[in-house]
Amino acid sequence: MEEHLYTLLSGAVSFPIAWGTLGSGTSLPRAAMFRTSGVRDMHMGGLGLMETRVQIDCYGATYAEAIGASRGIRGTLEGYKGGPIQGAFLDSVRDQFTDDADLLHRVSLTFSIWHRD
């Protein structure tokens, strides 16, 4: 799932995206993905699908840049089905409002991704 998700998003958006880090370079916007949880759906017939929650943090020099990046991610991933991913569903959207917002703006998206291993 991880490789498929990375390939899907990095091919769909025009900015850098990486797992667990902002990646190298200083260009903005950019996005970082983090697995926040993963639960196996078990049943009497054996192993079921995994539900993995993935947080994708979109950063920009301005709020407009960060929200624009998040819309690119949402447009690609929300409702997506393909490869090992059986369904991707947007759970929540959060904006960062802190004193540090003058340095870097962030919009966080959390998706529930149902997938095969």
PDB file of N, CA and C in Angstrom:
ATOM      1  N   MET A   1       0.826  -1.185   0.000  1.00  0.00           N
ATOM      2  CA  MET A   1       0.000   0.000   0.000  1.00  0.00           C
ATOM      3  C   MET A   1       0.875   1.256   0.000  1.00  0.00           C
ATOM      4  N   GLU A   2       1.937   1.256   0.816  1.00  0.00           N
ATOM      5  CA  GLU A   2       2.764   2.439   0.956  1.00  0.00           C
ATOM      6  C   GLU A   2       3.379   2.876  -0.375  1.00  0.00           C
ATOM      7  N   GLU A   3       3.948   1.918  -1.086  1.00  0.00           N
ATOM      8  CA  GLU A   3       4.575   2.232  -2.367  1.00  0.00           C
ATOM      9  C   GLU A   3       3.537   2.714  -3.378  1.00  0.00           C
ATOM     10  N   HIS A   4       2.397   2.037  -3.395  1.00  0.00           N
ATOM     11  CA  HIS A   4       1.337   2.416  -4.331  1.00  0.00           C
ATOM     12  C   HIS A   4       0.838   3.833  -4.039  1.00  0.00           C
ATOM     13  N   LEU A   5       0.625   4.131  -2.760  1.00  0.00           N
ATOM     14  CA  LEU A   5       0.153   5.462  -2.378  1.00  0.00           C
ATOM     15  C   LEU A   5       1.164   6.539  -2.752  1.00  0.00           C
ATOM     16  N   TYR A   6       2.431   6.282  -2.488  1.00  0.00           N
ATOM     17  CA  TYR A   6       3.474   7.247  -2.846  1.00  0.00           C
ATOM     18  C   TYR A   6       3.521   7.471  -4.360  1.00  0.00           C
ATOM     19  N   THR A   7       3.509   6.395  -5.126  1.00  0.00           N
ATOM     20  CA  THR A   7       3.558   6.499  -6.589  1.00  0.00           C
ATOM     21  C   THR A   7       2.343   7.250  -7.127  1.00  0.00           C
ATOM     22  N   LEU A   8       1.173   6.935  -6.599  1.00  0.00           N
ATOM     23  CA  LEU A   8      -0.060   7.600  -7.025  1.00  0.00           C
ATOM     24  C   LEU A   8       0.024   9.104  -6.794  1.00  0.00           C
ATOM     25  N   LEU A   9       0.352   9.502  -5.558  1.00  0.00           N
ATOM     26  CA  LEU A   9       0.344  10.931  -5.221  1.00  0.00           C
ATOM     27  C   LEU A   9       1.495  11.695  -5.860  1.00  0.00           C
ATOM     28  N   SER A  10       2.692  11.122  -5.872  1.00  0.00           N
ATOM     29  CA  SER A  10       3.820  11.855  -6.451  1.00  0.00           C
ATOM     30  C   SER A  10       3.653  12.037  -7.959  1.00  0.00           C
ATOM     31  N   GLY A  11       2.911  11.136  -8.606  1.00  0.00           N
ATOM     32  CA  GLY A  11       2.644  11.289 -10.028  1.00  0.00           C
ATOM     33  C   GLY A  11       1.500  12.245 -10.330  1.00  0.00           C
ATOM     34  N   ALA A  12       0.685  12.545  -9.319  1.00  0.00           N
ATOM     35  CA  ALA A  12      -0.510  13.364  -9.543  1.00  0.00           C
ATOM     36  C   ALA A  12      -0.328  14.826  -9.174  1.00  0.00           C
ATOM     37  N   VAL A  13       0.596  15.128  -8.281  1.00  0.00           N
ATOM     38  CA  VAL A  13       0.777  16.513  -7.845  1.00  0.00           C
ATOM     39  C   VAL A  13       2.113  17.048  -8.341  1.00  0.00           C
ATOM     40  N   SER A  14       2.214  18.356  -8.415  1.00  0.00           N
ATOM     41  CA  SER A  14       3.416  18.981  -8.980  1.00  0.00           C
ATOM     42  C   SER A  14       4.425  19.404  -7.921  1.00  0.00           C
ATOM     43  N   PHE A  15       4.246  18.935  -6.693  1.00  0.00           N
ATOM     44  CA  PHE A  15       5.152  19.310  -5.613  1.00  0.00           C
ATOM     45  C   PHE A  15       5.689  18.048  -4.944  1.00  0.00           C
ATOM     46  N   PRO A  16       6.805  18.167  -4.221  1.00  0.00           N
ATOM     47  CA  PRO A  16       7.399  16.992  -3.574  1.00  0.00           C
ATOM     48  C   PRO A  16       6.516  16.426  -2.464  1.00  0.00           C
ATOM     49  N   ILE A  17       6.526  15.099  -2.345  1.00  0.00           N
ATOM     50  CA  ILE A  17       5.811  14.403  -1.284  1.00  0.00           C
ATOM     51  C   ILE A  17       6.705  13.266  -0.815  1.00  0.00           C
ATOM     52  N   ALA A  18       6.723  13.010   0.493  1.00  0.00           N
ATOM     53  CA  ALA A  18       7.606  11.986   1.040  1.00  0.00           C
ATOM     54  C   ALA A  18       6.952  11.334   2.254  1.00  0.00           C
ATOM     55  N   TRP A  19       7.395  10.107   2.586  1.00  0.00           N
ATOM     56  CA  TRP A  19       6.938   9.411   3.787  1.00  0.00           C
ATOM     57  C   TRP A  19       7.769   9.857   4.977  1.00  0.00           C
ATOM     58  N   GLY A  20       7.119  10.311   6.044  1.00  0.00           N
ATOM     59  CA  GLY A  20       7.767  10.566   7.317  1.00  0.00           C
ATOM     60  C   GLY A  20       8.691  11.757   7.413  1.00  0.00           C
ATOM     61  N   THR A  21       8.783  12.543   6.375  1.00  0.00           N
ATOM     62  CA  THR A  21       9.710  13.661   6.357  1.00  0.00           C
ATOM     63  C   THR A  21       9.254  14.690   5.329  1.00  0.00           C
ATOM     64  N   LEU A  22       9.786  15.882   5.424  1.00  0.00           N
ATOM     65  CA  LEU A  22       9.513  16.879   4.387  1.00  0.00           C
ATOM     66  C   LEU A  22      10.369  16.642   3.148  1.00  0.00           C
ATOM     67  N   GLY A  23      11.273  15.686   3.207  1.00  0.00           N
ATOM     68  CA  GLY A  23      12.133  15.396   2.075  1.00  0.00           C
ATOM     69  C   GLY A  23      13.261  16.401   1.972  1.00  0.00           C
ATOM     70  N   SER A  24      13.996  16.326   0.900  1.00  0.00           N
ATOM     71  CA  SER A  24      15.129  17.237   0.716  1.00  0.00           C
ATOM     72  C   SER A  24      14.697  18.447  -0.102  1.00  0.00           C
ATOM     73  N   GLY A  25      15.482  19.502  -0.019  1.00  0.00           N
ATOM     74  CA  GLY A  25      15.186  20.724  -0.755  1.00  0.00           C
ATOM     75  C   GLY A  25      14.342  21.671   0.077  1.00  0.00           C
ATOM     76  N   THR A  26      14.101  22.829  -0.501  1.00  0.00           N
ATOM     77  CA  THR A  26      13.369  23.865   0.231  1.00  0.00           C
ATOM     78  C   THR A  26      12.161  24.378  -0.532  1.00  0.00           C
ATOM     79  N   SER A  27      11.843  23.791  -1.675  1.00  0.00           N
ATOM     80  CA  SER A  27      10.724  24.294  -2.473  1.00  0.00           C
ATOM     81  C   SER A  27       9.402  24.070  -1.746  1.00  0.00           C
ATOM     82  N   LEU A  28       8.481  24.972  -1.971  1.00  0.00           N
ATOM     83  CA  LEU A  28       7.132  24.888  -1.411  1.00  0.00           C
ATOM     84  C   LEU A  28       6.137  25.079  -2.533  1.00  0.00           C
ATOM     85  N   PRO A  29       4.977  24.468  -2.483  1.00  0.00           N
ATOM     86  CA  PRO A  29       4.477  23.616  -1.406  1.00  0.00           C
ATOM     87  C   PRO A  29       5.151  22.251  -1.426  1.00  0.00           C
ATOM     88  N   ARG A  30       4.902  21.489  -0.372  1.00  0.00           N
ATOM     89  CA  ARG A  30       5.380  20.110  -0.252  1.00  0.00           C
ATOM     90  C   ARG A  30       4.489  19.382   0.737  1.00  0.00           C
ATOM     91  N   ALA A  31       4.597  18.056   0.784  1.00  0.00           N
ATOM     92  CA  ALA A  31       3.739  17.269   1.662  1.00  0.00           C
ATOM     93  C   ALA A  31       4.532  16.133   2.293  1.00  0.00           C
ATOM     94  N   ALA A  32       4.127  15.768   3.504  1.00  0.00           N
ATOM     95  CA  ALA A  32       4.711  14.647   4.230  1.00  0.00           C
ATOM     96  C   ALA A  32       3.591  13.709   4.663  1.00  0.00           C
ATOM     97  N   MET A  33       3.816  12.396   4.494  1.00  0.00           N
ATOM     98  CA  MET A  33       2.815  11.389   4.861  1.00  0.00           C
ATOM     99  C   MET A  33       3.296  10.607   6.075  1.00  0.00           C
ATOM    100  N   PHE A  34       2.352  10.284   6.973  1.00  0.00           N
ATOM    101  CA  PHE A  34       2.655   9.521   8.171  1.00  0.00           C
ATOM    102  C   PHE A  34       1.543   8.513   8.416  1.00  0.00           C
ATOM    103  N   ARG A  35       1.918   7.274   8.743  1.00  0.00           N
ATOM    104  CA  ARG A  35       0.921   6.284   9.165  1.00  0.00           C
ATOM    105  C   ARG A  35       0.620   6.582  10.634  1.00  0.00           C
ATOM    106  N   THR A  36      -0.645   6.796  10.966  1.00  0.00           N
ATOM    107  CA  THR A  36      -0.996   7.065  12.357  1.00  0.00           C
ATOM    108  C   THR A  36      -1.579   5.838  13.051  1.00  0.00           C
ATOM    109  N   SER A  37      -2.112   4.893  12.287  1.00  0.00           N
ATOM    110  CA  SER A  37      -2.589   3.635  12.871  1.00  0.00           C
ATOM    111  C   SER A  37      -2.872   2.645  11.756  1.00  0.00           C
ATOM    112  N   GLY A  38      -2.997   1.399  12.154  1.00  0.00           N
ATOM    113  CA  GLY A  38      -3.354   0.345  11.218  1.00  0.00           C
ATOM    114  C   GLY A  38      -4.025  -0.783  11.964  1.00  0.00           C
ATOM    115  N   VAL A  39      -5.185  -1.226  11.477  1.00  0.00           N
ATOM    116  CA  VAL A  39      -5.949  -2.272  12.143  1.00  0.00           C
ATOM    117  C   VAL A  39      -6.388  -3.296  11.102  1.00  0.00           C
ATOM    118  N   ARG A  40      -6.193  -4.569  11.426  1.00  0.00           N
ATOM    119  CA  ARG A  40      -6.619  -5.645  10.532  1.00  0.00           C
ATOM    120  C   ARG A  40      -8.080  -5.975  10.799  1.00  0.00           C
ATOM    121  N   ASP A  41      -8.873  -6.096   9.743  1.00  0.00           N
ATOM    122  CA  ASP A  41     -10.260  -6.546   9.839  1.00  0.00           C
ATOM    123  C   ASP A  41     -10.226  -8.074   9.840  1.00  0.00           C
ATOM    124  N   MET A  42     -10.563  -8.686  10.964  1.00  0.00           N
ATOM    125  CA  MET A  42     -10.499 -10.142  11.088  1.00  0.00           C
ATOM    126  C   MET A  42     -11.904 -10.738  10.944  1.00  0.00           C
ATOM    127  N   HIS A  43     -11.966 -11.933  10.369  1.00  0.00           N
ATOM    128  CA  HIS A  43     -13.227 -12.662  10.266  1.00  0.00           C
ATOM    129  C   HIS A  43     -12.928 -14.153  10.264  1.00  0.00           C
ATOM    130  N   MET A  44     -13.961 -14.963  10.344  1.00  0.00           N
ATOM    131  CA  MET A  44     -13.788 -16.418  10.473  1.00  0.00           C
ATOM    132  C   MET A  44     -13.178 -17.048   9.227  1.00  0.00           C
ATOM    133  N   GLY A  45     -13.198 -16.345   8.111  1.00  0.00           N
ATOM    134  CA  GLY A  45     -12.636 -16.877   6.876  1.00  0.00           C
ATOM    135  C   GLY A  45     -11.156 -16.590   6.720  1.00  0.00           C
ATOM    136  N   GLY A  46     -10.537 -15.936   7.703  1.00  0.00           N
ATOM    137  CA  GLY A  46      -9.110 -15.627   7.617  1.00  0.00           C
ATOM    138  C   GLY A  46      -8.856 -14.140   7.735  1.00  0.00           C
ATOM    139  N   LEU A  47      -7.754 -13.737   7.163  1.00  0.00           N
ATOM    140  CA  LEU A  47      -7.360 -12.334   7.233  1.00  0.00           C
ATOM    141  C   LEU A  47      -8.216 -11.472   6.320  1.00  0.00           C
ATOM    142  N   GLY A  48      -8.609 -10.337   6.835  1.00  0.00           N
ATOM    143  CA  GLY A  48      -9.374  -9.388   6.040  1.00  0.00           C
ATOM    144  C   GLY A  48      -8.497  -8.240   5.587  1.00  0.00           C
ATOM    145  N   LEU A  49      -9.123  -7.167   5.202  1.00  0.00           N
ATOM    146  CA  LEU A  49      -8.399  -5.982   4.770  1.00  0.00           C
ATOM    147  C   LEU A  49      -7.779  -5.252   5.961  1.00  0.00           C
ATOM    148  N   MET A  50      -6.797  -4.438   5.688  1.00  0.00           N
ATOM    149  CA  MET A  50      -6.223  -3.535   6.681  1.00  0.00           C
ATOM    150  C   MET A  50      -6.913  -2.180   6.527  1.00  0.00           C
ATOM    151  N   GLU A  51      -7.183  -1.532   7.654  1.00  0.00           N
ATOM    152  CA  GLU A  51      -7.593  -0.127   7.621  1.00  0.00           C
ATOM    153  C   GLU A  51      -6.430   0.662   8.197  1.00  0.00           C
ATOM    154  N   THR A  52      -5.789   1.442   7.353  1.00  0.00           N
ATOM    155  CA  THR A  52      -4.656   2.247   7.769  1.00  0.00           C
ATOM    156  C   THR A  52      -5.046   3.706   7.700  1.00  0.00           C
ATOM    157  N   ARG A  53      -4.779   4.413   8.784  1.00  0.00           N
ATOM    158  CA  ARG A  53      -5.021   5.856   8.796  1.00  0.00           C
ATOM    159  C   ARG A  53      -3.711   6.539   8.439  1.00  0.00           C
ATOM    160  N   VAL A  54      -3.769   7.381   7.414  1.00  0.00           N
ATOM    161  CA  VAL A  54      -2.597   8.104   6.935  1.00  0.00           C
ATOM    162  C   VAL A  54      -2.863   9.596   7.054  1.00  0.00           C
ATOM    163  N   GLN A  55      -1.960  10.274   7.738  1.00  0.00           N
ATOM    164  CA  GLN A  55      -2.033  11.735   7.833  1.00  0.00           C
ATOM    165  C   GLN A  55      -1.102  12.314   6.782  1.00  0.00           C
ATOM    166  N   ILE A  56      -1.612  13.248   6.012  1.00  0.00           N
ATOM    167  CA  ILE A  56      -0.809  13.921   4.994  1.00  0.00           C
ATOM    168  C   ILE A  56      -0.795  15.402   5.333  1.00  0.00           C
ATOM    169  N   ASP A  57       0.381  15.893   5.684  1.00  0.00           N
ATOM    170  CA  ASP A  57       0.559  17.300   6.036  1.00  0.00           C
ATOM    171  C   ASP A  57       1.048  18.063   4.812  1.00  0.00           C
ATOM    172  N   CYS A  58       0.285  19.073   4.419  1.00  0.00           N
ATOM    173  CA  CYS A  58       0.614  19.905   3.263  1.00  0.00           C
ATOM    174  C   CYS A  58       1.133  21.249   3.769  1.00  0.00           C
ATOM    175  N   TYR A  59       2.316  21.625   3.334  1.00  0.00           N
ATOM    176  CA  TYR A  59       2.979  22.847   3.795  1.00  0.00           C
ATOM    177  C   TYR A  59       3.113  23.841   2.661  1.00  0.00           C
ATOM    178  N   GLY A  60       3.035  25.119   3.030  1.00  0.00           N
ATOM    179  CA  GLY A  60       3.227  26.181   2.054  1.00  0.00           C
ATOM    180  C   GLY A  60       3.760  27.437   2.720  1.00  0.00           C
ATOM    181  N   ALA A  61       4.287  28.335   1.917  1.00  0.00           N
ATOM    182  CA  ALA A  61       4.779  29.615   2.429  1.00  0.00           C
ATOM    183  C   ALA A  61       3.610  30.491   2.862  1.00  0.00           C
ATOM    184  N   THR A  62       2.432  30.249   2.275  1.00  0.00           N
ATOM    185  CA  THR A  62       1.209  30.974   2.638  1.00  0.00           C
ATOM    186  C   THR A  62       0.113  29.945   2.878  1.00  0.00           C
ATOM    187  N   TYR A  63      -0.955  30.388   3.535  1.00  0.00           N
ATOM    188  CA  TYR A  63      -2.094  29.490   3.736  1.00  0.00           C
ATOM    189  C   TYR A  63      -2.678  29.073   2.389  1.00  0.00           C
ATOM    190  N   ALA A  64      -2.754  30.007   1.454  1.00  0.00           N
ATOM    191  CA  ALA A  64      -3.301  29.691   0.124  1.00  0.00           C
ATOM    192  C   ALA A  64      -2.492  28.587  -0.545  1.00  0.00           C
ATOM    193  N   GLU A  65      -1.188  28.606  -0.376  1.00  0.00           N
ATOM    194  CA  GLU A  65      -0.337  27.584  -0.976  1.00  0.00           C
ATOM    195  C   GLU A  65      -0.562  26.224  -0.293  1.00  0.00           C
ATOM    196  N   ALA A  66      -0.680  26.225   1.037  1.00  0.00           N
ATOM    197  CA  ALA A  66      -0.911  24.979   1.772  1.00  0.00           C
ATOM    198  C   ALA A  66      -2.279  24.384   1.447  1.00  0.00           C
ATOM    199  N   ILE A  67      -3.330  25.212   1.422  1.00  0.00           N
ATOM    200  CA  ILE A  67      -4.669  24.693   1.126  1.00  0.00           C
ATOM    201  C   ILE A  67      -4.758  24.243  -0.334  1.00  0.00           C
ATOM    202  N   GLY A  68      -4.050  24.923  -1.225  1.00  0.00           N
ATOM    203  CA  GLY A  68      -4.012  24.499  -2.625  1.00  0.00           C
ATOM    204  C   GLY A  68      -3.375  23.124  -2.778  1.00  0.00           C
ATOM    205  N   ALA A  69      -2.280  22.890  -2.047  1.00  0.00           N
ATOM    206  CA  ALA A  69      -1.623  21.583  -2.077  1.00  0.00           C
ATOM    207  C   ALA A  69      -2.563  20.514  -1.521  1.00  0.00           C
ATOM    208  N   SER A  70      -3.275  20.838  -0.436  1.00  0.00           N
ATOM    209  CA  SER A  70      -4.199  19.857   0.153  1.00  0.00           C
ATOM    210  C   SER A  70      -5.327  19.521  -0.819  1.00  0.00           C
ATOM    211  N   ARG A  71      -5.767  20.486  -1.597  1.00  0.00           N
ATOM    212  CA  ARG A  71      -6.825  20.220  -2.582  1.00  0.00           C
ATOM    213  C   ARG A  71      -6.328  19.301  -3.688  1.00  0.00           C
ATOM    214  N   GLY A  72      -5.055  19.421  -4.052  1.00  0.00           N
ATOM    215  CA  GLY A  72      -4.473  18.508  -5.030  1.00  0.00           C
ATOM    216  C   GLY A  72      -4.435  17.080  -4.523  1.00  0.00           C
ATOM    217  N   ILE A  73      -4.065  16.914  -3.253  1.00  0.00           N
ATOM    218  CA  ILE A  73      -4.051  15.591  -2.629  1.00  0.00           C
ATOM    219  C   ILE A  73      -5.473  15.039  -2.537  1.00  0.00           C
ATOM    220  N   ARG A  74      -6.406  15.857  -2.048  1.00  0.00           N
ATOM    221  CA  ARG A  74      -7.802  15.409  -1.912  1.00  0.00           C
ATOM    222  C   ARG A  74      -8.392  14.995  -3.251  1.00  0.00           C
ATOM    223  N   GLY A  75      -8.134  15.790  -4.278  1.00  0.00           N
ATOM    224  CA  GLY A  75      -8.682  15.495  -5.596  1.00  0.00           C
ATOM    225  C   GLY A  75      -8.201  14.170  -6.151  1.00  0.00           C
ATOM    226  N   THR A  76      -7.018  13.768  -5.762  1.00  0.00           N
ATOM    227  CA  THR A  76      -6.462  12.499  -6.234  1.00  0.00           C
ATOM    228  C   THR A  76      -6.890  11.328  -5.369  1.00  0.00           C
ATOM    229  N   LEU A  77      -6.861  11.502  -4.040  1.00  0.00           N
ATOM    230  CA  LEU A  77      -7.002  10.366  -3.136  1.00  0.00           C
ATOM    231  C   LEU A  77      -8.421  10.125  -2.633  1.00  0.00           C
ATOM    232  N   GLU A  78      -9.221  11.160  -2.489  1.00  0.00           N
ATOM    233  CA  GLU A  78     -10.557  10.987  -1.916  1.00  0.00           C
ATOM    234  C   GLU A  78     -11.421  10.121  -2.831  1.00  0.00           C
ATOM    235  N   GLY A  79     -11.853   8.965  -2.309  1.00  0.00           N
ATOM    236  CA  GLY A  79     -12.670   8.039  -3.082  1.00  0.00           C
ATOM    237  C   GLY A  79     -11.874   7.137  -4.013  1.00  0.00           C
ATOM    238  N   TYR A  80     -10.545   7.188  -3.957  1.00  0.00           N
ATOM    239  CA  TYR A  80      -9.701   6.396  -4.857  1.00  0.00           C
ATOM    240  C   TYR A  80      -9.823   4.905  -4.559  1.00  0.00           C
ATOM    241  N   LYS A  81      -9.769   4.106  -5.625  1.00  0.00           N
ATOM    242  CA  LYS A  81      -9.705   2.658  -5.546  1.00  0.00           C
ATOM    243  C   LYS A  81      -8.817   2.180  -6.678  1.00  0.00           C
ATOM    244  N   GLY A  82      -7.801   1.384  -6.350  1.00  0.00           N
ATOM    245  CA  GLY A  82      -6.898   0.857  -7.372  1.00  0.00           C
ATOM    246  C   GLY A  82      -5.718   0.152  -6.728  1.00  0.00           C
ATOM    247  N   GLY A  83      -5.116  -0.807  -7.461  1.00  0.00           N
ATOM    248  CA  GLY A  83      -4.006  -1.573  -6.910  1.00  0.00           C
ATOM    249  C   GLY A  83      -4.436  -2.256  -5.624  1.00  0.00           C
ATOM    250  N   PRO A  84      -3.616  -2.194  -4.580  1.00  0.00           N
ATOM    251  CA  PRO A  84      -3.992  -2.826  -3.316  1.00  0.00           C
ATOM    252  C   PRO A  84      -5.014  -2.023  -2.523  1.00  0.00           C
ATOM    253  N   ILE A  85      -5.275  -0.792  -2.936  1.00  0.00           N
ATOM    254  CA  ILE A  85      -6.200   0.081  -2.202  1.00  0.00           C
ATOM    255  C   ILE A  85      -7.631  -0.199  -2.643  1.00  0.00           C
ATOM    256  N   GLN A  86      -8.449  -0.624  -1.683  1.00  0.00           N
ATOM    257  CA  GLN A  86      -9.849  -0.923  -1.948  1.00  0.00           C
ATOM    258  C   GLN A  86     -10.737   0.301  -1.777  1.00  0.00           C
ATOM    259  N   GLY A  87     -10.236   1.302  -1.050  1.00  0.00           N
ATOM    260  CA  GLY A  87     -10.986   2.539  -0.866  1.00  0.00           C
ATOM    261  C   GLY A  87     -10.210   3.500   0.014  1.00  0.00           C
ATOM    262  N   ALA A  88     -10.224   4.778  -0.340  1.00  0.00           N
ATOM    263  CA  ALA A  88      -9.576   5.829   0.451  1.00  0.00           C
ATOM    264  C   ALA A  88     -10.634   6.868   0.791  1.00  0.00           C
ATOM    265  N   PHE A  89     -10.784   7.150   2.079  1.00  0.00           N
ATOM    266  CA  PHE A  89     -11.856   8.009   2.558  1.00  0.00           C
ATOM    267  C   PHE A  89     -11.292   9.097   3.453  1.00  0.00           C
ATOM    268  N   LEU A  90     -11.653  10.334   3.175  1.00  0.00           N
ATOM    269  CA  LEU A  90     -11.190  11.459   3.980  1.00  0.00           C
ATOM    270  C   LEU A  90     -11.921  11.467   5.314  1.00  0.00           C
ATOM    271  N   ASP A  91     -11.160  11.426   6.409  1.00  0.00           N
ATOM    272  CA  ASP A  91     -11.735  11.454   7.759  1.00  0.00           C
ATOM    273  C   ASP A  91     -11.761  12.857   8.349  1.00  0.00           C
ATOM    274  N   SER A  92     -10.686  13.603   8.157  1.00  0.00           N
ATOM    275  CA  SER A  92     -10.638  14.923   8.787  1.00  0.00           C
ATOM    276  C   SER A  92      -9.665  15.844   8.064  1.00  0.00           C
ATOM    277  N   VAL A  93      -9.911  17.146   8.246  1.00  0.00           N
ATOM    278  CA  VAL A  93      -9.052  18.209   7.720  1.00  0.00           C
ATOM    279  C   VAL A  93      -8.785  19.169   8.872  1.00  0.00           C
ATOM    280  N   ARG A  94      -7.521  19.516   9.070  1.00  0.00           N
ATOM    281  CA  ARG A  94      -7.154  20.453  10.127  1.00  0.00           C
ATOM    282  C   ARG A  94      -6.199  21.500   9.575  1.00  0.00           C
ATOM    283  N   ASP A  95      -6.365  22.719  10.062  1.00  0.00           N
ATOM    284  CA  ASP A  95      -5.444  23.802   9.729  1.00  0.00           C
ATOM    285  C   ASP A  95      -4.578  24.087  10.942  1.00  0.00           C
ATOM    286  N   GLN A  96      -3.376  24.549  10.681  1.00  0.00           N
ATOM    287  CA  GLN A  96      -2.485  24.945  11.767  1.00  0.00           C
ATOM    288  C   GLN A  96      -2.654  26.430  12.023  1.00  0.00           C
ATOM    289  N   PHE A  97      -2.958  26.780  13.236  1.00  0.00           N
ATOM    290  CA  PHE A  97      -3.061  28.176  13.627  1.00  0.00           C
ATOM    291  C   PHE A  97      -2.198  28.392  14.858  1.00  0.00           C
ATOM    292  N   THR A  98      -0.942  28.714  14.647  1.00  0.00           N
ATOM    293  CA  THR A  98      -0.027  28.983  15.747  1.00  0.00           C
ATOM    294  C   THR A  98       0.803  30.208  15.417  1.00  0.00           C
ATOM    295  N   ASP A  99       1.604  30.623  16.368  1.00  0.00           N
ATOM    296  CA  ASP A  99       2.493  31.758  16.129  1.00  0.00           C
ATOM    297  C   ASP A  99       3.525  31.453  15.058  1.00  0.00           C
ATOM    298  N   ASP A 100       3.804  30.168  14.840  1.00  0.00           N
ATOM    299  CA  ASP A 100       4.786  29.782  13.831  1.00  0.00           C
ATOM    300  C   ASP A 100       4.251  29.875  12.415  1.00  0.00           C
ATOM    301  N   ALA A 101       2.974  30.211  12.254  1.00  0.00           N
ATOM    302  CA  ALA A 101       2.368  30.249  10.919  1.00  0.00           C
ATOM    303  C   ALA A 101       3.042  31.270  10.013  1.00  0.00           C
ATOM    304  N   ASP A 102       3.768  32.229  10.591  1.00  0.00           N
ATOM    305  CA  ASP A 102       4.508  33.174   9.755  1.00  0.00           C
ATOM    306  C   ASP A 102       5.659  32.490   9.030  1.00  0.00           C
ATOM    307  N   LEU A 103       6.112  31.348   9.552  1.00  0.00           N
ATOM    308  CA  LEU A 103       7.228  30.636   8.942  1.00  0.00           C
ATOM    309  C   LEU A 103       6.759  29.636   7.893  1.00  0.00           C
ATOM    310  N   LEU A 104       5.760  28.832   8.239  1.00  0.00           N
ATOM    311  CA  LEU A 104       5.281  27.778   7.362  1.00  0.00           C
ATOM    312  C   LEU A 104       3.827  27.476   7.723  1.00  0.00           C
ATOM    313  N   HIS A 105       2.969  27.433   6.733  1.00  0.00           N
ATOM    314  CA  HIS A 105       1.551  27.124   6.951  1.00  0.00           C
ATOM    315  C   HIS A 105       1.318  25.649   6.669  1.00  0.00           C
ATOM    316  N   ARG A 106       0.377  25.030   7.429  1.00  0.00           N
ATOM    317  CA  ARG A 106       0.123  23.599   7.270  1.00  0.00           C
ATOM    318  C   ARG A 106      -1.374  23.321   7.245  1.00  0.00           C
ATOM    319  N   VAL A 107      -1.763  22.419   6.349  1.00  0.00           N
ATOM    320  CA  VAL A 107      -3.103  21.842   6.331  1.00  0.00           C
ATOM    321  C   VAL A 107      -2.906  20.332   6.402  1.00  0.00           C
ATOM    322  N   SER A 108      -3.535  19.699   7.404  1.00  0.00           N
ATOM    323  CA  SER A 108      -3.393  18.257   7.606  1.00  0.00           C
ATOM    324  C   SER A 108      -4.662  17.533   7.172  1.00  0.00           C
ATOM    325  N   LEU A 109      -4.476  16.470   6.418  1.00  0.00           N
ATOM    326  CA  LEU A 109      -5.570  15.608   5.974  1.00  0.00           C
ATOM    327  C   LEU A 109      -5.368  14.231   6.592  1.00  0.00           C
ATOM    328  N   THR A 110      -6.423  13.625   7.089  1.00  0.00           N
ATOM    329  CA  THR A 110      -6.329  12.247   7.585  1.00  0.00           C
ATOM    330  C   THR A 110      -7.282  11.386   6.766  1.00  0.00           C
ATOM    331  N   PHE A 111      -6.721  10.340   6.176  1.00  0.00           N
ATOM    332  CA  PHE A 111      -7.485   9.409   5.349  1.00  0.00           C
ATOM    333  C   PHE A 111      -7.530   8.040   6.002  1.00  0.00           C
ATOM    334  N   SER A 112      -8.671   7.357   5.904  1.00  0.00           N
ATOM    335  CA  SER A 112      -8.779   5.937   6.216  1.00  0.00           C
ATOM    336  C   SER A 112      -8.616   5.206   4.886  1.00  0.00           C
ATOM    337  N   ILE A 113      -7.612   4.363   4.825  1.00  0.00           N
ATOM    338  CA  ILE A 113      -7.321   3.638   3.586  1.00  0.00           C
ATOM    339  C   ILE A 113      -7.497   2.157   3.855  1.00  0.00           C
ATOM    340  N   TRP A 114      -8.449   1.557   3.163  1.00  0.00           N
ATOM    341  CA  TRP A 114      -8.681   0.116   3.252  1.00  0.00           C
ATOM    342  C   TRP A 114      -7.896  -0.553   2.138  1.00  0.00           C
ATOM    343  N   HIS A 115      -7.086  -1.556   2.503  1.00  0.00           N
ATOM    344  CA  HIS A 115      -6.191  -2.142   1.505  1.00  0.00           C
ATOM    345  C   HIS A 115      -5.849  -3.585   1.835  1.00  0.00           C
ATOM    346  N   ARG A 116      -5.384  -4.277   0.808  1.00  0.00           N
ATOM    347  CA  ARG A 116      -4.795  -5.604   0.960  1.00  0.00           C
ATOM    348  C   ARG A 116      -3.320  -5.404   1.267  1.00  0.00           C
ATOM    349  N   ASP A 117      -2.735  -6.381   1.959  1.00  0.00           N
ATOM    350  CA  ASP A 117      -1.288  -6.322   2.219  1.00  0.00           C
ATOM    351  C   ASP A 117      -0.508  -6.556   0.957  1.00  0.00           C
TER     352      ASP A 117
END
